[in-house]
C-alpha cells in the first residue's frame, strides 16, 4: 500500500468532507471548532489527508514544538478501518517526526466505551507507541499519554498544549496507574 499525502489548507478542494468526517468521528467535547483548526495552520501544524490512489482514507492534524509532535486528531474513514490504513499512516508519521505523543481515554472497565478504549490503546501499542505512565484530566475526561520516538518531555508537551490553545489547555500531567 502506497499512500499519497496531501496537505490540507483553507483551499483544499474536499474541505467539507474533512469537516464532516471530523464531526462524525469525535465527540463534541473533544472537538476544537473546525474553523479554529484551519485558522491555526502555520509552520508548527500539519493537517494531512491520506489517499490510496484516489480513495480518501483519512486525515491527521499534528502540532510540533521543540521536536515534539502532538497527534491532535487522527481518523481513518469508518468503512476503511481494520484494513491496515491506520498502521500505514502511523508508519509514515514515524518516518517524518522525531517524537510523537497522543492522548487516549484512560482504560476504565466501567466506561460505556470500554472495549473501544481497549482496542484503541492496543492499536497504538502495536504501532510502536509506549505508555508514559502520565495522564491528565480535561473537561472531566481522564486521558493517558502514549508516545513514540526519542525526546518526549512533559515540560515541552505542557507548553505545546498551552501555546497552541492560547492558554485554554493549561494541562498538568500526573502519574496514572493502569
N, C-alpha and C. Protein backbone atom coordinates (compact mmCIF):
# COMPACT_ATOMS: atom_id res chain seq x y z
N UNK A 1 0.85 -1.17 0.00
CA UNK A 1 0.00 0.00 0.00
C UNK A 1 0.90 1.24 0.00
N UNK A 2 0.70 2.09 -0.98
CA UNK A 2 1.48 3.32 -1.10
C UNK A 2 0.51 4.49 -0.95
N UNK A 3 0.53 5.11 0.21
CA UNK A 3 -0.38 6.21 0.47
C UNK A 3 0.14 7.51 -0.11
N UNK A 4 -0.78 8.30 -0.63
CA UNK A 4 -0.48 9.64 -1.12
C UNK A 4 -0.87 10.61 -0.01
N UNK A 5 0.00 11.58 0.28
CA UNK A 5 -0.23 12.53 1.36
C UNK A 5 -0.41 13.92 0.77
N UNK A 6 -1.48 14.58 1.14
CA UNK A 6 -1.77 15.92 0.65
C UNK A 6 -1.98 16.84 1.84
N UNK A 7 -1.35 18.00 1.81
CA UNK A 7 -1.51 18.99 2.87
C UNK A 7 -2.87 19.67 2.72
N UNK A 8 -3.59 19.73 3.82
CA UNK A 8 -4.90 20.40 3.85
C UNK A 8 -4.69 21.84 4.28
N UNK A 9 -5.31 22.75 3.54
CA UNK A 9 -5.34 24.15 3.94
C UNK A 9 -6.73 24.68 3.62
N UNK A 10 -6.94 25.98 3.79
CA UNK A 10 -8.28 26.54 3.58
C UNK A 10 -8.76 26.41 2.14
N UNK A 11 -7.83 26.15 1.20
CA UNK A 11 -8.20 26.00 -0.21
C UNK A 11 -8.32 24.54 -0.65
N UNK A 12 -8.19 23.62 0.28
CA UNK A 12 -8.28 22.20 -0.03
C UNK A 12 -9.67 21.91 -0.64
N UNK A 13 -9.70 21.26 -1.81
CA UNK A 13 -10.99 21.11 -2.52
C UNK A 13 -12.04 20.26 -1.79
N UNK A 14 -11.61 19.34 -0.94
CA UNK A 14 -12.57 18.49 -0.23
C UNK A 14 -12.69 18.86 1.25
N UNK A 15 -12.54 20.13 1.56
CA UNK A 15 -12.55 20.57 2.94
C UNK A 15 -13.86 20.21 3.66
N UNK A 16 -14.98 20.27 2.94
CA UNK A 16 -16.26 19.92 3.57
C UNK A 16 -16.32 18.45 3.95
N UNK A 17 -15.72 17.56 3.16
CA UNK A 17 -15.69 16.13 3.53
C UNK A 17 -14.82 15.91 4.76
N UNK A 18 -13.71 16.63 4.85
CA UNK A 18 -12.83 16.54 6.01
C UNK A 18 -13.61 17.00 7.25
N UNK A 19 -14.29 18.12 7.12
CA UNK A 19 -15.06 18.67 8.23
C UNK A 19 -16.15 17.68 8.67
N UNK A 20 -16.84 17.07 7.74
CA UNK A 20 -17.89 16.10 8.07
C UNK A 20 -17.30 14.89 8.80
N UNK A 21 -16.20 14.35 8.29
CA UNK A 21 -15.56 13.21 8.94
C UNK A 21 -15.10 13.60 10.35
N UNK A 22 -14.57 14.79 10.49
CA UNK A 22 -14.13 15.29 11.79
C UNK A 22 -15.30 15.32 12.77
N UNK A 23 -16.42 15.89 12.35
CA UNK A 23 -17.59 15.99 13.23
C UNK A 23 -18.21 14.63 13.51
N UNK A 24 -18.16 13.73 12.55
CA UNK A 24 -18.72 12.38 12.74
C UNK A 24 -17.84 11.50 13.63
N UNK A 25 -16.55 11.80 13.70
CA UNK A 25 -15.60 10.91 14.36
C UNK A 25 -15.26 11.26 15.80
N UNK A 26 -15.46 12.50 16.19
CA UNK A 26 -15.05 12.92 17.52
C UNK A 26 -16.23 13.49 18.29
N UNK A 27 -16.34 13.12 19.56
CA UNK A 27 -17.43 13.68 20.38
C UNK A 27 -17.26 15.19 20.52
N UNK A 28 -18.36 15.85 20.66
CA UNK A 28 -18.37 17.31 20.73
C UNK A 28 -17.37 17.86 21.75
N UNK A 29 -17.29 17.22 22.94
CA UNK A 29 -16.40 17.74 23.98
C UNK A 29 -14.92 17.52 23.66
N UNK A 30 -14.60 16.77 22.60
CA UNK A 30 -13.21 16.55 22.21
C UNK A 30 -12.85 17.26 20.90
N UNK A 31 -13.77 18.06 20.40
CA UNK A 31 -13.54 18.77 19.12
C UNK A 31 -13.28 20.25 19.35
N UNK A 32 -12.18 20.71 18.80
CA UNK A 32 -11.97 22.15 18.71
C UNK A 32 -12.85 22.64 17.55
N UNK A 33 -13.25 23.90 17.55
CA UNK A 33 -14.01 24.39 16.40
C UNK A 33 -13.18 24.20 15.12
N UNK A 34 -13.80 23.64 14.09
CA UNK A 34 -13.09 23.34 12.85
C UNK A 34 -12.45 24.60 12.26
N UNK A 35 -13.18 25.71 12.31
CA UNK A 35 -12.63 26.98 11.80
C UNK A 35 -11.33 27.33 12.52
N UNK A 36 -11.28 27.03 13.81
CA UNK A 36 -10.10 27.32 14.61
C UNK A 36 -8.91 26.47 14.15
N UNK A 37 -9.16 25.20 13.81
CA UNK A 37 -8.08 24.34 13.31
C UNK A 37 -7.50 24.92 12.02
N UNK A 38 -8.37 25.37 11.13
CA UNK A 38 -7.92 25.95 9.86
C UNK A 38 -7.19 27.26 10.12
N UNK A 39 -7.73 28.07 10.99
CA UNK A 39 -7.13 29.36 11.30
C UNK A 39 -5.74 29.21 11.90
N UNK A 40 -5.50 28.14 12.66
CA UNK A 40 -4.23 27.94 13.35
C UNK A 40 -3.17 27.23 12.49
N UNK A 41 -3.48 26.98 11.22
CA UNK A 41 -2.48 26.35 10.36
C UNK A 41 -1.30 27.30 10.19
N UNK A 42 -0.12 26.78 10.50
CA UNK A 42 1.11 27.56 10.37
C UNK A 42 2.28 26.60 10.29
N UNK A 43 3.49 27.10 10.48
CA UNK A 43 4.66 26.23 10.33
C UNK A 43 4.76 25.18 11.43
N UNK A 44 3.99 25.32 12.51
CA UNK A 44 4.00 24.33 13.59
C UNK A 44 2.93 23.25 13.41
N UNK A 45 2.03 23.42 12.45
CA UNK A 45 0.93 22.48 12.27
C UNK A 45 1.01 21.79 10.92
N UNK A 46 0.58 20.54 10.91
CA UNK A 46 0.47 19.77 9.67
C UNK A 46 -0.90 19.13 9.66
N UNK A 47 -1.72 19.55 8.71
CA UNK A 47 -3.05 18.97 8.52
C UNK A 47 -2.93 18.16 7.24
N UNK A 48 -2.96 16.83 7.36
CA UNK A 48 -2.64 15.96 6.23
C UNK A 48 -3.79 15.03 5.89
N UNK A 49 -4.08 14.93 4.60
CA UNK A 49 -5.07 13.98 4.08
C UNK A 49 -4.31 12.82 3.46
N UNK A 50 -4.81 11.62 3.63
CA UNK A 50 -4.17 10.41 3.11
C UNK A 50 -5.10 9.74 2.11
N UNK A 51 -4.51 9.36 0.97
CA UNK A 51 -5.26 8.72 -0.10
C UNK A 51 -4.56 7.43 -0.52
N UNK A 52 -5.37 6.45 -0.91
CA UNK A 52 -4.89 5.23 -1.55
C UNK A 52 -5.36 5.36 -2.99
N UNK A 53 -4.46 5.73 -3.88
CA UNK A 53 -4.81 6.17 -5.24
C UNK A 53 -5.77 7.35 -5.09
N UNK A 54 -7.01 7.24 -5.59
CA UNK A 54 -7.96 8.34 -5.47
C UNK A 54 -8.93 8.17 -4.31
N UNK A 55 -8.76 7.11 -3.53
CA UNK A 55 -9.65 6.82 -2.41
C UNK A 55 -9.19 7.58 -1.17
N UNK A 56 -10.03 8.47 -0.66
CA UNK A 56 -9.72 9.19 0.57
C UNK A 56 -9.76 8.21 1.73
N UNK A 57 -8.67 8.16 2.51
CA UNK A 57 -8.55 7.20 3.60
C UNK A 57 -8.81 7.86 4.96
N UNK A 58 -8.21 9.02 5.19
CA UNK A 58 -8.36 9.68 6.48
C UNK A 58 -7.46 10.90 6.58
N UNK A 59 -7.34 11.41 7.80
CA UNK A 59 -6.52 12.60 7.99
C UNK A 59 -5.87 12.61 9.36
N UNK A 60 -4.84 13.44 9.48
CA UNK A 60 -4.19 13.72 10.75
C UNK A 60 -4.05 15.22 10.91
N UNK A 61 -4.05 15.67 12.14
CA UNK A 61 -3.77 17.07 12.47
C UNK A 61 -2.71 17.02 13.55
N UNK A 62 -1.54 17.56 13.24
CA UNK A 62 -0.39 17.48 14.14
C UNK A 62 0.13 18.86 14.47
N UNK A 63 0.64 19.01 15.69
CA UNK A 63 1.23 20.26 16.14
C UNK A 63 2.63 19.93 16.66
N UNK A 64 3.63 20.67 16.19
CA UNK A 64 5.02 20.40 16.57
C UNK A 64 5.64 21.60 17.25
N UNK A 65 6.40 21.29 18.32
CA UNK A 65 7.17 22.30 19.04
C UNK A 65 8.34 21.58 19.69
N UNK A 66 9.55 22.13 19.55
CA UNK A 66 10.75 21.54 20.18
C UNK A 66 10.96 20.08 19.78
N UNK A 67 10.81 19.72 18.53
CA UNK A 67 10.96 18.34 18.05
C UNK A 67 9.98 17.37 18.70
N UNK A 68 8.94 17.89 19.29
CA UNK A 68 7.89 17.07 19.90
C UNK A 68 6.59 17.35 19.15
N UNK A 69 5.96 16.30 18.68
CA UNK A 69 4.75 16.46 17.88
C UNK A 69 3.56 15.82 18.58
N UNK A 70 2.50 16.57 18.68
CA UNK A 70 1.25 16.08 19.26
C UNK A 70 0.32 15.68 18.13
N UNK A 71 -0.09 14.43 18.13
CA UNK A 71 -1.07 13.95 17.16
C UNK A 71 -2.44 14.32 17.72
N UNK A 72 -2.88 15.51 17.36
CA UNK A 72 -4.08 16.11 17.91
C UNK A 72 -5.32 15.33 17.44
N UNK A 73 -5.41 15.10 16.15
CA UNK A 73 -6.52 14.34 15.58
C UNK A 73 -5.98 13.34 14.56
N UNK A 74 -6.56 12.16 14.58
CA UNK A 74 -6.19 11.09 13.65
C UNK A 74 -7.43 10.25 13.42
N UNK A 75 -7.83 10.16 12.18
CA UNK A 75 -9.03 9.36 11.88
C UNK A 75 -8.88 8.69 10.51
N UNK A 76 -9.30 7.45 10.47
CA UNK A 76 -9.45 6.71 9.22
C UNK A 76 -10.94 6.61 8.99
N UNK A 77 -11.38 6.86 7.76
CA UNK A 77 -12.80 6.78 7.43
C UNK A 77 -13.36 5.42 7.84
N UNK A 78 -14.51 5.43 8.48
CA UNK A 78 -15.07 4.22 9.10
C UNK A 78 -15.09 2.97 8.20
N UNK A 79 -15.54 3.05 6.95
CA UNK A 79 -15.57 1.81 6.14
C UNK A 79 -14.18 1.24 5.82
N UNK A 80 -13.14 2.03 6.05
CA UNK A 80 -11.78 1.59 5.72
C UNK A 80 -10.97 1.15 6.94
N UNK A 81 -11.59 1.17 8.10
CA UNK A 81 -10.89 0.77 9.33
C UNK A 81 -10.65 -0.74 9.32
N UNK A 82 -9.61 -1.16 10.01
CA UNK A 82 -9.22 -2.57 10.12
C UNK A 82 -8.75 -3.15 8.79
N UNK A 83 -8.20 -2.28 7.93
CA UNK A 83 -7.67 -2.73 6.64
C UNK A 83 -6.19 -2.36 6.50
N UNK A 84 -5.57 -1.92 7.61
CA UNK A 84 -4.15 -1.60 7.60
C UNK A 84 -3.82 -0.15 7.32
N UNK A 85 -4.83 0.66 7.02
CA UNK A 85 -4.56 2.07 6.70
C UNK A 85 -4.04 2.85 7.91
N UNK A 86 -4.61 2.62 9.06
CA UNK A 86 -4.16 3.33 10.26
C UNK A 86 -2.70 3.05 10.55
N UNK A 87 -2.31 1.80 10.46
CA UNK A 87 -0.91 1.43 10.69
C UNK A 87 0.00 2.04 9.63
N UNK A 88 -0.46 2.08 8.39
CA UNK A 88 0.33 2.68 7.31
C UNK A 88 0.52 4.18 7.54
N UNK A 89 -0.52 4.85 8.01
CA UNK A 89 -0.41 6.28 8.29
C UNK A 89 0.57 6.51 9.44
N UNK A 90 0.47 5.71 10.49
CA UNK A 90 1.40 5.88 11.62
C UNK A 90 2.83 5.58 11.20
N UNK A 91 3.03 4.60 10.31
CA UNK A 91 4.38 4.31 9.81
C UNK A 91 4.93 5.52 9.05
N UNK A 92 4.09 6.16 8.26
CA UNK A 92 4.51 7.37 7.55
C UNK A 92 4.91 8.46 8.55
N UNK A 93 4.08 8.68 9.56
CA UNK A 93 4.36 9.72 10.56
C UNK A 93 5.65 9.42 11.32
N UNK A 94 5.88 8.15 11.60
CA UNK A 94 7.08 7.75 12.33
C UNK A 94 8.35 8.13 11.55
N UNK A 95 8.26 8.11 10.23
CA UNK A 95 9.41 8.49 9.39
C UNK A 95 9.60 10.01 9.35
N UNK A 96 8.53 10.77 9.60
CA UNK A 96 8.57 12.21 9.40
C UNK A 96 8.87 13.01 10.67
N UNK A 97 8.57 12.45 11.83
CA UNK A 97 8.65 13.21 13.08
C UNK A 97 9.56 12.52 14.09
N UNK A 98 10.28 13.32 14.87
CA UNK A 98 11.24 12.81 15.85
C UNK A 98 10.56 12.09 17.00
N UNK A 99 9.55 12.72 17.57
CA UNK A 99 8.82 12.15 18.72
C UNK A 99 7.37 12.58 18.62
N UNK A 100 6.47 11.62 18.67
CA UNK A 100 5.03 11.91 18.60
C UNK A 100 4.39 11.41 19.89
N UNK A 101 3.47 12.22 20.40
CA UNK A 101 2.66 11.75 21.53
C UNK A 101 1.19 11.96 21.23
N UNK A 102 0.39 11.13 21.86
CA UNK A 102 -1.06 11.20 21.72
C UNK A 102 -1.67 11.08 23.11
N UNK A 103 -2.94 11.43 23.18
CA UNK A 103 -3.69 11.14 24.40
C UNK A 103 -4.88 10.27 24.02
N UNK A 104 -5.15 9.31 24.88
CA UNK A 104 -6.31 8.44 24.69
C UNK A 104 -7.06 8.39 26.01
N UNK A 105 -8.34 8.09 25.94
CA UNK A 105 -9.10 7.97 27.17
C UNK A 105 -8.52 6.83 28.01
N UNK A 106 -8.40 7.08 29.31
CA UNK A 106 -7.87 6.08 30.23
C UNK A 106 -8.76 4.84 30.18
N UNK A 107 -8.12 3.67 30.27
CA UNK A 107 -8.87 2.42 30.29
C UNK A 107 -9.63 2.33 31.61
N UNK A 108 -10.94 2.29 31.50
CA UNK A 108 -11.82 2.24 32.67
C UNK A 108 -12.87 1.17 32.41
N UNK A 109 -12.83 0.09 33.18
CA UNK A 109 -13.75 -1.04 32.95
C UNK A 109 -15.21 -0.62 33.10
N UNK A 110 -15.47 0.50 33.76
CA UNK A 110 -16.84 0.97 33.94
C UNK A 110 -17.31 1.91 32.84
N UNK A 111 -16.41 2.28 31.93
CA UNK A 111 -16.78 3.20 30.85
C UNK A 111 -17.69 2.51 29.85
N UNK A 112 -18.64 3.25 29.33
CA UNK A 112 -19.56 2.69 28.33
C UNK A 112 -18.82 2.22 27.08
N UNK A 113 -17.71 2.89 26.75
CA UNK A 113 -16.94 2.52 25.55
C UNK A 113 -15.64 1.79 25.93
N UNK A 114 -15.69 1.00 26.99
CA UNK A 114 -14.51 0.28 27.47
C UNK A 114 -13.82 -0.51 26.36
N UNK A 115 -14.58 -1.28 25.59
CA UNK A 115 -13.99 -2.11 24.53
C UNK A 115 -13.31 -1.24 23.48
N UNK A 116 -13.94 -0.14 23.12
CA UNK A 116 -13.34 0.78 22.14
C UNK A 116 -12.03 1.36 22.68
N UNK A 117 -12.01 1.75 23.94
CA UNK A 117 -10.80 2.30 24.55
C UNK A 117 -9.67 1.27 24.54
N UNK A 118 -10.01 0.04 24.87
CA UNK A 118 -9.02 -1.03 24.89
C UNK A 118 -8.46 -1.29 23.50
N UNK A 119 -9.33 -1.35 22.51
CA UNK A 119 -8.89 -1.57 21.12
C UNK A 119 -8.00 -0.44 20.64
N UNK A 120 -8.38 0.80 20.99
CA UNK A 120 -7.60 1.97 20.56
C UNK A 120 -6.20 1.91 21.17
N UNK A 121 -6.12 1.66 22.48
CA UNK A 121 -4.80 1.58 23.13
C UNK A 121 -3.96 0.46 22.54
N UNK A 122 -4.56 -0.71 22.34
CA UNK A 122 -3.83 -1.85 21.78
C UNK A 122 -3.33 -1.54 20.36
N UNK A 123 -4.13 -0.82 19.59
CA UNK A 123 -3.72 -0.41 18.24
C UNK A 123 -2.44 0.44 18.30
N UNK A 124 -2.43 1.44 19.17
CA UNK A 124 -1.25 2.30 19.28
C UNK A 124 -0.04 1.54 19.81
N UNK A 125 -0.25 0.67 20.78
CA UNK A 125 0.88 -0.11 21.32
C UNK A 125 1.45 -1.04 20.25
N UNK A 126 0.61 -1.61 19.41
CA UNK A 126 1.10 -2.45 18.29
C UNK A 126 1.90 -1.62 17.28
N UNK A 127 1.63 -0.32 17.24
CA UNK A 127 2.28 0.56 16.26
C UNK A 127 3.35 1.44 16.90
N UNK A 128 4.10 0.85 17.82
CA UNK A 128 5.32 1.43 18.40
C UNK A 128 5.14 2.50 19.46
N UNK A 129 3.92 2.86 19.81
CA UNK A 129 3.74 3.80 20.91
C UNK A 129 4.00 3.06 22.21
N UNK A 130 4.46 3.80 23.20
CA UNK A 130 4.74 3.25 24.53
C UNK A 130 3.95 4.04 25.57
N UNK A 131 3.59 3.35 26.64
CA UNK A 131 2.93 4.03 27.75
C UNK A 131 3.96 4.90 28.45
N UNK A 132 3.56 6.12 28.81
CA UNK A 132 4.46 7.03 29.52
C UNK A 132 4.21 7.00 31.02
N UNK A 133 3.08 6.45 31.43
CA UNK A 133 2.71 6.47 32.84
C UNK A 133 2.15 7.81 33.27
N UNK A 134 1.92 8.70 32.29
CA UNK A 134 1.40 10.04 32.57
C UNK A 134 0.02 10.21 31.97
N UNK A 135 -0.71 11.13 32.54
CA UNK A 135 -2.03 11.45 32.02
C UNK A 135 -2.44 12.82 32.50
N UNK A 136 -3.67 13.19 32.18
CA UNK A 136 -4.23 14.45 32.63
C UNK A 136 -5.75 14.37 32.54
N UNK A 137 -6.41 15.30 33.16
CA UNK A 137 -7.87 15.42 33.09
C UNK A 137 -8.21 16.72 32.39
N UNK A 138 -9.22 16.65 31.53
CA UNK A 138 -9.66 17.84 30.82
C UNK A 138 -11.15 17.71 30.59
N UNK A 139 -11.91 18.68 31.05
CA UNK A 139 -13.38 18.63 30.98
C UNK A 139 -13.93 17.31 31.50
N UNK A 140 -13.44 16.91 32.65
CA UNK A 140 -13.89 15.72 33.37
C UNK A 140 -13.65 14.41 32.63
N UNK A 141 -12.72 14.43 31.67
CA UNK A 141 -12.32 13.21 30.97
C UNK A 141 -10.86 12.97 31.31
N UNK A 142 -10.55 11.72 31.71
CA UNK A 142 -9.17 11.36 32.04
C UNK A 142 -8.49 10.76 30.82
N UNK A 143 -7.29 11.27 30.54
CA UNK A 143 -6.52 10.84 29.38
C UNK A 143 -5.19 10.24 29.82
N UNK A 144 -4.71 9.31 29.01
CA UNK A 144 -3.40 8.70 29.19
C UNK A 144 -2.54 9.16 28.01
N UNK A 145 -1.25 9.42 28.27
CA UNK A 145 -0.32 9.84 27.23
C UNK A 145 0.48 8.63 26.76
N UNK A 146 0.49 8.42 25.43
CA UNK A 146 1.35 7.43 24.79
C UNK A 146 2.30 8.19 23.88
N UNK A 147 3.51 7.66 23.69
CA UNK A 147 4.50 8.35 22.84
C UNK A 147 5.38 7.35 22.12
N UNK A 148 5.92 7.77 20.97
CA UNK A 148 6.99 7.00 20.33
C UNK A 148 8.05 7.95 19.82
N UNK A 149 9.22 7.41 19.62
CA UNK A 149 10.35 8.22 19.19
C UNK A 149 11.17 8.64 20.40
N UNK A 150 12.10 9.54 20.15
CA UNK A 150 13.01 9.98 21.21
C UNK A 150 12.72 11.43 21.57
N UNK A 151 12.80 11.71 22.87
CA UNK A 151 12.75 13.10 23.31
C UNK A 151 11.43 13.56 23.89
N UNK A 152 10.57 12.63 24.33
CA UNK A 152 9.33 13.10 24.96
C UNK A 152 9.66 13.87 26.23
N UNK A 153 9.12 15.05 26.35
CA UNK A 153 9.35 15.92 27.50
C UNK A 153 8.00 16.41 28.02
N UNK A 154 7.74 16.16 29.29
CA UNK A 154 6.46 16.62 29.85
C UNK A 154 6.39 18.15 29.81
N UNK A 155 7.50 18.79 30.09
CA UNK A 155 7.53 20.26 30.07
C UNK A 155 7.16 20.78 28.68
N UNK A 156 7.79 20.23 27.64
CA UNK A 156 7.50 20.69 26.28
C UNK A 156 6.09 20.32 25.85
N UNK A 157 5.59 19.16 26.27
CA UNK A 157 4.22 18.77 25.94
C UNK A 157 3.22 19.74 26.58
N UNK A 158 3.44 20.08 27.85
CA UNK A 158 2.56 21.03 28.52
C UNK A 158 2.62 22.40 27.85
N UNK A 159 3.82 22.81 27.47
CA UNK A 159 4.00 24.10 26.79
C UNK A 159 3.31 24.09 25.43
N UNK A 160 3.41 22.97 24.71
CA UNK A 160 2.77 22.84 23.41
C UNK A 160 1.26 23.02 23.55
N UNK A 161 0.64 22.31 24.49
CA UNK A 161 -0.80 22.45 24.73
C UNK A 161 -1.16 23.90 25.02
N UNK A 162 -0.42 24.49 25.94
CA UNK A 162 -0.71 25.85 26.38
C UNK A 162 -0.57 26.86 25.24
N UNK A 163 0.56 26.81 24.53
CA UNK A 163 0.81 27.77 23.46
C UNK A 163 -0.15 27.60 22.30
N UNK A 164 -0.39 26.35 21.88
CA UNK A 164 -1.25 26.12 20.72
C UNK A 164 -2.69 26.55 20.98
N UNK A 165 -3.14 26.39 22.23
CA UNK A 165 -4.53 26.74 22.54
C UNK A 165 -4.65 28.12 23.18
N UNK A 166 -3.59 28.91 23.09
CA UNK A 166 -3.56 30.26 23.67
C UNK A 166 -3.97 30.26 25.14
N UNK A 167 -3.46 29.27 25.87
CA UNK A 167 -3.68 29.19 27.30
C UNK A 167 -4.94 28.44 27.72
N UNK A 168 -5.77 28.04 26.76
CA UNK A 168 -7.02 27.33 27.10
C UNK A 168 -6.74 25.97 27.74
N UNK A 169 -5.73 25.25 27.21
CA UNK A 169 -5.37 23.95 27.77
C UNK A 169 -4.12 24.10 28.63
N UNK A 170 -4.32 24.48 29.87
CA UNK A 170 -3.21 24.60 30.81
C UNK A 170 -3.11 23.26 31.55
N UNK A 171 -2.56 22.27 30.86
CA UNK A 171 -2.55 20.89 31.31
C UNK A 171 -1.44 20.67 32.33
N UNK A 172 -1.76 19.93 33.36
CA UNK A 172 -0.75 19.49 34.32
C UNK A 172 -0.76 17.97 34.30
N UNK A 173 0.32 17.37 33.87
CA UNK A 173 0.40 15.91 33.82
C UNK A 173 0.51 15.35 35.22
N UNK A 174 0.01 14.15 35.38
CA UNK A 174 0.11 13.44 36.65
C UNK A 174 0.39 11.98 36.36
N UNK A 175 0.97 11.31 37.32
CA UNK A 175 1.21 9.86 37.19
C UNK A 175 -0.16 9.18 37.21
N UNK A 176 -0.29 8.18 36.33
CA UNK A 176 -1.54 7.41 36.34
C UNK A 176 -1.21 5.96 36.63
N UNK A 177 -2.16 5.26 37.18
CA UNK A 177 -2.00 3.83 37.40
C UNK A 177 -2.99 3.13 36.49
N UNK A 178 -2.48 2.14 35.81
CA UNK A 178 -3.32 1.43 34.82
C UNK A 178 -3.81 0.12 35.38
